[in-house]
Amino acid sequence: MATAGTDGGGGSGTVDADVIVVGAGPGGSSAAYHLASTGLDVLLLEKTAFPREKVCGDGLTPRAVRSLVEMGIDTSESAGWARNRGLRIVGGNVRLELPWPELANWPGYGLVRPRLDFDELLARHAEKAGARLSQSTSVTGPLVDERSGRVVGVRARTGPDREPVTYRAPLVVAADGNSARIALAMGIRRREDRPLGVAVRRYYRSTRTHDDHLESHLELWEGRPRESRLLPGYGWIFGVGDGTSNVGLGLLNTTSAFQNTNYQDLLRRWLAALPPEWGFLEENATGPVRGSALPMGFSRTPHYRDGVLLVGDSGGMVNPFNGEGIAYALESGRYAAEVAVQALARAQGPARERALSHYPELMRARYGGYYTLGRYFVQLIGNPTVMALGAKYGLPRPLLMRFLLKIMANLTDPRGGDAMDRLINAMTRLAPAA
């Protein structure tokens, strides 16, 4: 393990660690937790100070819940979580409730928790495992060894006076979100052939706060359904359980309206058409409308280069099928930690690089075929005619919708599952890796 220390010289000190993790979101905290649990010295850098906001729907599918359970996090309602039993889909004159599938490998419930305290909970959990959390520390770029070309740390500004500081480590995990400052500094840019989404959300005091289903609207009407203008995008209503609901909408860049839409106005027009007793009115809003990009389907690769591993949104790992990012941030953080642990157990040089080069291969094996199917899917639903036909003829068929729920939420048993599981698993194996 590295020995931590600073020179105490006006913020210009150097702090050594075995691994530096940039960003204390779900991906970074997951990586930090799993790394620290093995005894490695981990420095977790967060540009803001907790508590802090993040734009998100706050809804967690059973896929994300499994990662939390594996980390030893209490997901009970008494610990502040709002549980849900499944997904409610609204569209095409249909309101269909689909329970989360009963599977051997995944929990049977989902969760909702605001990112305002969810991210801090994960970061503190990593701290308890031994990671050293440094808040208000904004990483400005990678530190590159001129002789080898490898990243050997990061440069940052820290504290209220934004004093410059350098942190050194043999490995860096970049979990800095869709800004991807580390990846961009290394020349790893977003792939234009991969889907991109934009989402906006707002919190409202609402009678629907204790809804036991995540609710997804496939059609956004400006007024009465089928008697008014159909707006672009899809919407969600997630009860937070604390008196509020998280309400938002998203658009994909495969739709013609992507570039020329006022998202805040779009949200306002959709909410104005919903039942007023739900409470999604201006006077019930608890904060402003906030938005963010959703980098999908491995939109930034390679996921390892020159001493840096990309996890979560920094590697474009949002699920194209449903816009879920937290589950894949948590999982990729764990996978990056596993690879890093094995790599650091080897001598610096070719042996270590062979271990690190396994990370992109692991990512492709885990998600590559599935994300390829997701790219095909977003191309289809980007066509309004296809979307309308799907809502009209697909939603009234519960068996088909249960199949779609499994594939969209990426919830199947790899072995011993039912016919749906076997079909979906075969499709992802046969699809070329993203």
Protein backbone atom coordinates (compact mmCIF):
# COMPACT_ATOMS: atom_id res chain seq x y z
CA MET A 1 0.00 0.00 0.00
CA ALA A 2 1.08 3.55 -0.63
CA THR A 3 1.92 5.85 2.23
CA ALA A 4 -0.09 9.06 2.21
CA GLY A 5 1.54 12.38 2.89
CA THR A 6 1.65 16.05 1.95
CA ASP A 7 4.44 18.53 1.90
CA GLY A 8 2.18 21.16 3.50
CA GLY A 9 3.55 23.82 1.20
CA GLY A 10 0.77 26.22 0.31
CA GLY A 11 -1.45 23.66 -1.40
CA SER A 12 1.27 22.42 -3.72
CA GLY A 13 1.65 19.12 -1.88
CA THR A 14 1.66 15.66 -3.35
CA VAL A 15 -0.57 12.94 -1.95
CA ASP A 16 0.35 9.38 -2.89
CA ALA A 17 -2.16 6.52 -3.11
CA ASP A 18 -2.46 3.13 -4.75
CA VAL A 19 -5.46 4.31 -6.79
CA ILE A 20 -7.00 7.72 -7.34
CA VAL A 21 -10.73 7.76 -8.06
CA VAL A 22 -12.02 10.94 -9.71
CA GLY A 23 -15.67 11.60 -8.88
CA ALA A 24 -17.75 10.43 -5.92
CA GLY A 25 -20.88 9.54 -7.81
CA PRO A 26 -22.20 5.95 -7.84
CA GLY A 27 -19.42 4.67 -10.12
CA GLY A 28 -16.59 6.33 -8.26
CA SER A 29 -17.86 5.39 -4.82
CA SER A 30 -18.44 1.80 -5.94
CA ALA A 31 -14.89 1.58 -7.26
CA ALA A 32 -13.48 3.21 -4.12
CA TYR A 33 -15.44 0.88 -1.84
CA HIS A 34 -14.36 -2.31 -3.62
CA LEU A 35 -10.74 -1.15 -3.89
CA ALA A 36 -10.50 -0.09 -0.25
CA SER A 37 -12.13 -3.34 0.88
CA THR A 38 -9.04 -5.18 -0.37
CA GLY A 39 -6.71 -3.01 1.70
CA LEU A 40 -5.53 -0.70 -1.07
CA ASP A 41 -4.96 2.96 -0.28
CA VAL A 42 -7.66 4.82 -2.24
CA LEU A 43 -8.10 8.55 -2.67
CA LEU A 44 -11.63 9.55 -3.73
CA LEU A 45 -11.83 13.08 -5.14
CA GLU A 46 -15.16 14.95 -5.34
CA LYS A 47 -15.33 18.37 -6.99
CA THR A 48 -18.24 19.60 -4.85
CA ALA A 49 -19.14 19.25 -1.18
CA PHE A 50 -21.87 16.95 0.09
CA PRO A 51 -24.80 17.19 0.10
CA ARG A 52 -25.10 18.13 -3.55
CA GLU A 53 -27.66 17.75 -6.35
CA LYS A 54 -27.40 15.51 -9.39
CA VAL A 55 -29.87 15.36 -12.26
CA CYS A 56 -31.46 11.91 -12.24
CA GLY A 57 -34.81 10.18 -12.13
CA ASP A 58 -33.76 8.68 -8.76
CA GLY A 59 -35.37 5.35 -9.69
CA LEU A 60 -33.33 2.18 -9.21
CA THR A 61 -34.25 -1.10 -10.88
CA PRO A 62 -33.46 -4.47 -9.25
CA ARG A 63 -30.21 -4.44 -11.24
CA ALA A 64 -28.96 -1.45 -9.24
CA VAL A 65 -30.40 -2.84 -6.00
CA ARG A 66 -28.26 -5.97 -6.34
CA SER A 67 -25.06 -3.90 -6.39
CA LEU A 68 -26.14 -2.02 -3.27
CA VAL A 69 -26.90 -5.27 -1.46
CA GLU A 70 -23.51 -6.68 -2.50
CA MET A 71 -21.88 -3.61 -0.96
CA GLY A 72 -23.63 -4.26 2.32
CA ILE A 73 -25.92 -1.22 2.14
CA ASP A 74 -29.18 -1.39 4.07
CA THR A 75 -31.96 -0.97 1.46
CA SER A 76 -34.89 -1.19 3.87
CA GLU A 77 -37.60 1.45 4.04
CA SER A 78 -36.55 2.22 7.61
CA ALA A 79 -33.15 3.24 6.19
CA GLY A 80 -34.75 5.93 4.04
CA TRP A 81 -35.50 4.08 0.82
CA ALA A 82 -38.80 4.10 -1.05
CA ARG A 83 -39.43 0.61 -2.42
CA ASN A 84 -41.35 -0.19 -5.59
CA ARG A 85 -42.80 -3.44 -6.89
CA GLY A 86 -42.52 -2.88 -10.62
CA LEU A 87 -43.05 -0.63 -13.61
CA ARG A 88 -46.31 0.99 -14.69
CA ILE A 89 -46.43 1.84 -18.39
CA VAL A 90 -48.90 4.42 -19.70
CA GLY A 91 -49.64 4.89 -23.40
CA GLY A 92 -51.95 3.94 -26.23
CA ASN A 93 -55.04 4.09 -23.98
CA VAL A 94 -53.42 1.44 -21.76
CA ARG A 95 -52.20 1.60 -18.18
CA LEU A 96 -50.25 -1.60 -17.55
CA GLU A 97 -48.56 -2.61 -14.30
CA LEU A 98 -45.66 -5.03 -14.66
CA PRO A 99 -44.09 -6.52 -11.53
CA TRP A 100 -40.33 -6.88 -11.47
CA PRO A 101 -39.55 -10.41 -12.66
CA GLU A 102 -38.96 -13.17 -10.12
CA LEU A 103 -35.37 -14.23 -10.74
CA ALA A 104 -32.65 -16.11 -8.91
CA ASN A 105 -29.94 -13.55 -9.65
CA TRP A 106 -31.76 -10.27 -9.00
CA PRO A 107 -33.85 -8.87 -6.14
CA GLY A 108 -37.59 -8.59 -6.65
CA TYR A 109 -37.87 -4.90 -5.80
CA GLY A 110 -36.68 -1.51 -6.97
CA LEU A 111 -35.86 1.62 -5.00
CA VAL A 112 -36.15 5.40 -5.16
CA ARG A 113 -33.86 7.79 -3.32
CA PRO A 114 -32.89 11.37 -4.24
CA ARG A 115 -29.34 11.79 -5.45
CA LEU A 116 -29.05 14.64 -2.93
CA ASP A 117 -28.26 12.11 -0.22
CA PHE A 118 -27.86 8.86 -2.21
CA ASP A 119 -24.42 9.84 -3.51
CA GLU A 120 -23.21 10.93 -0.08
CA LEU A 121 -24.43 7.65 1.41
CA LEU A 122 -22.30 5.72 -1.09
CA ALA A 123 -19.26 7.96 -0.59
CA ARG A 124 -19.46 7.57 3.20
CA HIS A 125 -19.80 3.83 2.74
CA ALA A 126 -16.56 3.87 0.74
CA GLU A 127 -14.97 5.92 3.54
CA LYS A 128 -15.98 3.31 6.10
CA ALA A 129 -14.23 0.69 3.94
CA GLY A 130 -11.01 2.74 4.14
CA ALA A 131 -11.15 5.14 1.19
CA ARG A 132 -9.99 8.72 1.83
CA LEU A 133 -12.62 11.19 0.60
CA SER A 134 -11.50 14.69 -0.41
CA GLN A 135 -14.41 17.04 -1.11
CA SER A 136 -14.28 20.42 -2.89
CA THR A 137 -11.43 19.04 -4.96
CA SER A 138 -11.84 19.73 -8.66
CA VAL A 139 -9.59 17.71 -10.93
CA THR A 140 -8.29 19.85 -13.78
CA GLY A 141 -6.51 17.15 -15.75
CA PRO A 142 -4.32 14.07 -15.73
CA LEU A 143 -0.68 14.09 -14.68
CA VAL A 144 1.30 12.42 -17.48
CA ASP A 145 4.79 10.97 -17.20
CA GLU A 146 6.70 12.45 -20.16
CA ARG A 147 8.93 9.42 -20.57
CA SER A 148 6.29 6.68 -20.60
CA GLY A 149 3.23 8.66 -21.68
CA ARG A 150 1.29 7.05 -18.83
CA VAL A 151 -1.03 8.87 -16.47
CA VAL A 152 0.58 8.83 -13.02
CA GLY A 153 -1.90 10.98 -11.14
CA VAL A 154 -4.04 14.10 -11.49
CA ARG A 155 -3.79 17.84 -11.07
CA ALA A 156 -6.52 19.53 -9.07
CA ARG A 157 -7.62 22.57 -7.15
CA THR A 158 -8.88 22.10 -3.65
CA GLY A 159 -10.39 23.94 -0.73
CA PRO A 160 -12.18 27.30 -0.57
CA ASP A 161 -9.21 29.11 -2.14
CA ARG A 162 -8.89 26.53 -4.95
CA GLU A 163 -5.24 25.92 -4.20
CA PRO A 164 -3.39 23.82 -6.81
CA VAL A 165 -2.41 20.32 -5.73
CA THR A 166 -0.98 17.24 -7.41
CA TYR A 167 -2.01 13.71 -6.51
CA ARG A 168 0.05 10.73 -7.67
CA ALA A 169 -0.87 7.07 -8.05
CA PRO A 170 -0.02 4.21 -10.43
CA LEU A 171 -3.70 3.95 -11.45
CA VAL A 172 -6.54 6.43 -11.94
CA VAL A 173 -10.23 5.53 -12.13
CA ALA A 174 -12.12 8.22 -14.04
CA ALA A 175 -15.68 8.42 -12.73
CA ASP A 176 -16.19 12.09 -13.54
CA GLY A 177 -19.57 11.72 -15.25
CA ASN A 178 -20.62 12.88 -18.67
CA SER A 179 -18.18 15.81 -18.52
CA ALA A 180 -15.46 13.14 -18.83
CA ARG A 181 -12.68 15.65 -18.26
CA ILE A 182 -10.00 13.01 -17.80
CA ALA A 183 -11.00 11.04 -20.91
CA LEU A 184 -11.21 14.19 -23.04
CA ALA A 185 -7.76 15.32 -21.88
CA MET A 186 -6.46 11.95 -23.08
CA GLY A 187 -8.09 12.36 -26.49
CA ILE A 188 -10.91 9.87 -25.82
CA ARG A 189 -13.88 11.64 -27.36
CA ARG A 190 -17.56 10.79 -27.64
CA ARG A 191 -18.44 8.45 -30.46
CA GLU A 192 -20.96 10.03 -32.81
CA ASP A 193 -22.27 6.60 -33.84
CA ARG A 194 -23.64 5.95 -30.34
CA PRO A 195 -26.95 7.26 -28.96
CA LEU A 196 -27.20 10.29 -26.72
CA GLY A 197 -30.13 11.33 -24.56
CA VAL A 198 -31.13 14.45 -22.68
CA ALA A 199 -33.27 14.34 -19.55
CA VAL A 200 -34.87 17.06 -17.41
CA ARG A 201 -36.56 16.62 -14.05
CA ARG A 202 -38.20 18.53 -11.24
CA TYR A 203 -39.43 17.68 -7.73
CA TYR A 204 -43.01 18.44 -6.68
CA ARG A 205 -44.93 18.01 -3.46
CA SER A 206 -47.40 15.38 -4.57
CA THR A 207 -50.10 13.00 -3.41
CA ARG A 208 -48.32 10.33 -5.47
CA THR A 209 -45.23 10.31 -3.27
CA HIS A 210 -45.90 6.78 -1.98
CA ASP A 211 -46.56 5.17 -5.38
CA ASP A 212 -45.32 1.58 -5.27
CA HIS A 213 -44.54 1.48 -9.01
CA LEU A 214 -42.16 3.46 -11.19
CA GLU A 215 -44.37 5.06 -13.83
CA SER A 216 -43.27 5.54 -17.45
CA HIS A 217 -45.29 7.51 -20.02
CA LEU A 218 -44.61 6.48 -23.60
CA GLU A 219 -46.73 9.31 -24.96
CA LEU A 220 -46.61 12.94 -23.84
CA TRP A 221 -49.83 14.77 -24.71
CA GLU A 222 -50.21 18.54 -24.52
CA GLY A 223 -53.88 18.14 -23.57
CA ARG A 224 -56.40 15.33 -23.65
CA PRO A 225 -54.89 12.12 -25.08
CA ARG A 226 -55.51 11.69 -28.81
CA GLU A 227 -57.34 15.03 -28.87
CA SER A 228 -54.29 17.28 -28.60
CA ARG A 229 -50.73 17.60 -29.80
CA LEU A 230 -48.38 14.67 -29.16
CA LEU A 231 -45.13 15.99 -27.76
CA PRO A 232 -41.74 14.34 -28.42
CA GLY A 233 -40.06 12.14 -25.83
CA TYR A 234 -41.01 9.92 -22.92
CA GLY A 235 -41.85 10.83 -19.34
CA TRP A 236 -41.62 9.43 -15.83
CA ILE A 237 -43.25 9.90 -12.44
CA PHE A 238 -41.37 8.35 -9.50
CA GLY A 239 -42.70 8.65 -5.96
CA VAL A 240 -39.85 9.54 -3.59
CA GLY A 241 -41.75 8.65 -0.41
CA ASP A 242 -40.85 11.87 1.41
CA GLY A 243 -43.87 13.88 0.29
CA THR A 244 -42.49 14.59 -3.17
CA SER A 245 -42.33 12.99 -6.60
CA ASN A 246 -39.55 13.14 -9.17
CA VAL A 247 -41.14 14.02 -12.51
CA GLY A 248 -39.22 14.31 -15.74
CA LEU A 249 -38.87 13.54 -19.40
CA GLY A 250 -36.20 12.48 -21.84
CA LEU A 251 -35.44 12.70 -25.54
CA LEU A 252 -33.04 10.71 -27.70
CA ASN A 253 -30.85 12.09 -30.46
CA THR A 254 -32.52 9.61 -32.82
CA THR A 255 -35.65 11.81 -32.76
CA SER A 256 -36.04 14.76 -35.13
CA ALA A 257 -36.94 17.09 -32.23
CA PHE A 258 -33.70 16.51 -30.33
CA GLN A 259 -31.83 19.62 -31.48
CA ASN A 260 -34.71 22.09 -31.52
CA THR A 261 -36.60 21.56 -28.30
CA ASN A 262 -37.01 23.77 -25.25
CA TYR A 263 -36.96 21.00 -22.67
CA GLN A 264 -38.22 23.09 -19.76
CA ASP A 265 -41.19 24.28 -21.81
CA LEU A 266 -41.81 20.73 -22.99
CA LEU A 267 -41.97 19.52 -19.38
CA ARG A 268 -44.31 22.38 -18.44
CA ARG A 269 -46.73 21.62 -21.30
CA TRP A 270 -46.86 17.90 -20.48
CA LEU A 271 -47.41 18.44 -16.77
CA ALA A 272 -50.15 21.00 -17.42
CA ALA A 273 -52.18 18.23 -19.07
CA LEU A 274 -51.89 15.81 -16.12
CA PRO A 275 -54.57 15.61 -13.39
CA PRO A 276 -54.16 18.67 -11.10
CA GLU A 277 -54.83 16.56 -8.01
CA TRP A 278 -51.45 14.89 -8.57
CA GLY A 279 -49.87 18.18 -7.54
CA PHE A 280 -47.50 18.84 -10.45
CA LEU A 281 -48.17 22.55 -10.32
CA GLU A 282 -45.80 25.49 -10.11
CA GLU A 283 -46.77 26.28 -6.52
CA ASN A 284 -45.85 22.72 -5.48
CA ALA A 285 -42.38 22.72 -7.07
CA THR A 286 -39.58 22.38 -4.52
CA GLY A 287 -36.79 23.51 -6.83
CA PRO A 288 -35.92 24.42 -10.42
CA VAL A 289 -36.00 22.26 -13.52
CA ARG A 290 -32.60 20.64 -14.02
CA GLY A 291 -31.26 18.75 -17.02
CA SER A 292 -28.37 16.57 -18.06
CA ALA A 293 -27.03 14.52 -20.95
CA LEU A 294 -27.23 10.71 -20.99
CA PRO A 295 -24.19 9.19 -22.77
CA MET A 296 -25.35 5.76 -23.92
CA GLY A 297 -24.20 2.44 -25.29
CA PHE A 298 -20.41 2.78 -24.78
CA SER A 299 -20.31 6.23 -26.35
CA ARG A 300 -16.73 6.76 -25.17
CA THR A 301 -14.04 4.11 -25.76
CA PRO A 302 -11.53 2.64 -25.10
CA HIS A 303 -12.38 2.13 -21.45
CA TYR A 304 -8.73 1.72 -20.51
CA ARG A 305 -5.72 3.66 -21.73
CA ASP A 306 -2.32 4.49 -20.24
CA GLY A 307 -3.14 3.96 -16.58
CA VAL A 308 -6.76 5.24 -16.63
CA LEU A 309 -9.94 3.15 -16.36
CA LEU A 310 -13.29 4.73 -17.28
CA VAL A 311 -16.41 3.81 -15.35
CA GLY A 312 -20.06 4.85 -15.53
CA ASP A 313 -21.07 7.91 -17.53
CA SER A 314 -17.44 8.83 -18.25
CA GLY A 315 -17.34 5.68 -20.39
CA GLY A 316 -20.79 6.29 -21.90
CA MET A 317 -22.32 3.30 -20.10
CA VAL A 318 -25.96 4.42 -19.79
CA ASN A 319 -28.39 1.69 -20.93
CA PRO A 320 -29.90 2.75 -24.32
CA PHE A 321 -33.07 0.76 -23.64
CA ASN A 322 -34.22 2.66 -20.55
CA GLY A 323 -31.78 5.48 -19.77
CA GLU A 324 -30.58 3.76 -16.60
CA GLY A 325 -27.09 4.79 -15.59
CA ILE A 326 -26.69 4.08 -11.88
CA ALA A 327 -26.75 0.29 -12.17
CA TYR A 328 -23.99 0.31 -14.79
CA ALA A 329 -21.94 2.86 -12.87
CA LEU A 330 -22.08 0.66 -9.77
CA GLU A 331 -21.21 -2.48 -11.72
CA SER A 332 -18.42 -0.95 -13.81
CA GLY A 333 -16.93 0.52 -10.63
CA ARG A 334 -16.76 -2.96 -9.16
CA TYR A 335 -15.30 -4.46 -12.33
CA ALA A 336 -12.68 -1.71 -12.56
CA ALA A 337 -11.74 -2.36 -8.94
CA GLU A 338 -11.37 -6.10 -9.53
CA VAL A 339 -9.11 -5.50 -12.53
CA ALA A 340 -7.08 -2.87 -10.67
CA VAL A 341 -6.52 -5.16 -7.69
CA GLN A 342 -5.17 -7.90 -9.91
CA ALA A 343 -3.02 -5.46 -11.88
CA LEU A 344 -1.43 -3.88 -8.81
CA ALA A 345 -0.52 -7.33 -7.51
CA ARG A 346 1.86 -7.60 -10.49
CA ALA A 347 5.11 -5.82 -11.15
CA GLN A 348 4.89 -2.57 -13.06
CA GLY A 349 5.41 -3.23 -16.78
CA PRO A 350 4.02 -5.71 -19.33
CA ALA A 351 2.48 -8.04 -16.73
CA ARG A 352 0.49 -5.23 -15.18
CA GLU A 353 -0.58 -3.90 -18.57
CA ARG A 354 -1.88 -7.32 -19.58
CA ALA A 355 -4.09 -7.33 -16.51
CA LEU A 356 -5.34 -3.79 -17.15
CA SER A 357 -6.07 -4.49 -20.83
CA HIS A 358 -8.60 -7.06 -19.63
CA TYR A 359 -10.95 -4.28 -18.48
CA PRO A 360 -12.22 -3.20 -21.94
CA GLU A 361 -12.61 -6.87 -22.87
CA LEU A 362 -14.62 -7.45 -19.71
CA MET A 363 -16.87 -4.49 -20.46
CA ARG A 364 -17.54 -5.72 -23.99
CA ALA A 365 -18.26 -9.23 -22.73
CA ARG A 366 -20.67 -7.97 -20.06
CA TYR A 367 -22.57 -5.35 -22.05
CA GLY A 368 -21.34 -5.22 -25.65
CA GLY A 369 -24.00 -7.34 -27.35
CA TYR A 370 -26.76 -5.96 -25.15
CA TYR A 371 -25.81 -2.35 -25.94
CA THR A 372 -25.75 -3.18 -29.65
CA LEU A 373 -29.36 -4.34 -29.36
CA GLY A 374 -30.05 -1.11 -27.49
CA ARG A 375 -28.71 0.95 -30.38
CA TYR A 376 -31.07 -0.82 -32.77
CA PHE A 377 -33.91 -0.20 -30.33
CA VAL A 378 -33.37 3.57 -30.04
CA GLN A 379 -33.20 3.85 -33.82
CA LEU A 380 -36.62 2.21 -34.03
CA ILE A 381 -38.34 4.24 -31.33
CA GLY A 382 -36.86 7.44 -32.75
CA ASN A 383 -39.43 7.02 -35.51
CA PRO A 384 -42.75 8.47 -34.25
CA THR A 385 -44.75 6.05 -36.40
CA VAL A 386 -42.98 3.02 -34.93
CA MET A 387 -43.44 4.39 -31.40
CA ALA A 388 -47.16 4.97 -31.98
CA LEU A 389 -47.66 1.49 -33.42
CA GLY A 390 -45.76 -0.04 -30.52
CA ALA A 391 -47.92 1.78 -27.96
CA LYS A 392 -51.12 0.85 -29.81
CA TYR A 393 -50.45 -2.82 -30.52
CA GLY A 394 -47.77 -3.79 -28.01
CA LEU A 395 -49.09 -2.43 -24.70
CA PRO A 396 -52.35 -4.44 -24.78
CA ARG A 397 -50.30 -7.67 -24.85
CA PRO A 398 -49.03 -8.36 -21.30
CA LEU A 399 -46.85 -11.32 -22.32
CA LEU A 400 -45.01 -9.18 -24.88
CA MET A 401 -44.65 -6.37 -22.36
CA ARG A 402 -43.19 -8.72 -19.72
CA PHE A 403 -40.62 -9.75 -22.33
CA LEU A 404 -39.84 -6.10 -23.09
CA LEU A 405 -39.52 -5.30 -19.39
CA LYS A 406 -36.92 -8.03 -19.00
CA ILE A 407 -34.87 -6.90 -21.98
CA MET A 408 -35.20 -3.16 -21.31
CA ALA A 409 -34.20 -3.50 -17.64
CA ASN A 410 -31.56 -6.11 -18.50
CA LEU A 411 -32.99 -8.57 -15.97
CA THR A 412 -32.54 -12.23 -16.88
CA ASP A 413 -31.09 -15.26 -15.18
CA PRO A 414 -27.97 -16.35 -17.09
CA ARG A 415 -28.61 -20.01 -16.33
CA GLY A 416 -31.79 -21.92 -15.55
CA GLY A 417 -34.12 -19.08 -16.56
CA ASP A 418 -37.39 -19.28 -18.44
CA ALA A 419 -37.90 -19.19 -22.22
CA MET A 420 -37.79 -15.38 -22.24
CA ASP A 421 -34.45 -15.40 -20.43
CA ARG A 422 -32.99 -17.92 -22.83
CA LEU A 423 -34.14 -15.93 -25.86
CA ILE A 424 -32.81 -12.62 -24.56
CA ASN A 425 -29.49 -14.20 -23.52
CA ALA A 426 -29.14 -15.76 -26.97
CA MET A 427 -29.87 -12.42 -28.66
CA THR A 428 -27.21 -10.61 -26.63
CA ARG A 429 -24.64 -13.34 -27.32
CA LEU A 430 -25.30 -13.28 -31.07
CA ALA A 431 -25.30 -9.48 -31.38
CA PRO A 432 -21.87 -8.04 -32.28
CA ALA A 433 -20.22 -6.46 -29.23
CA ALA A 434 -20.54 -2.67 -29.02
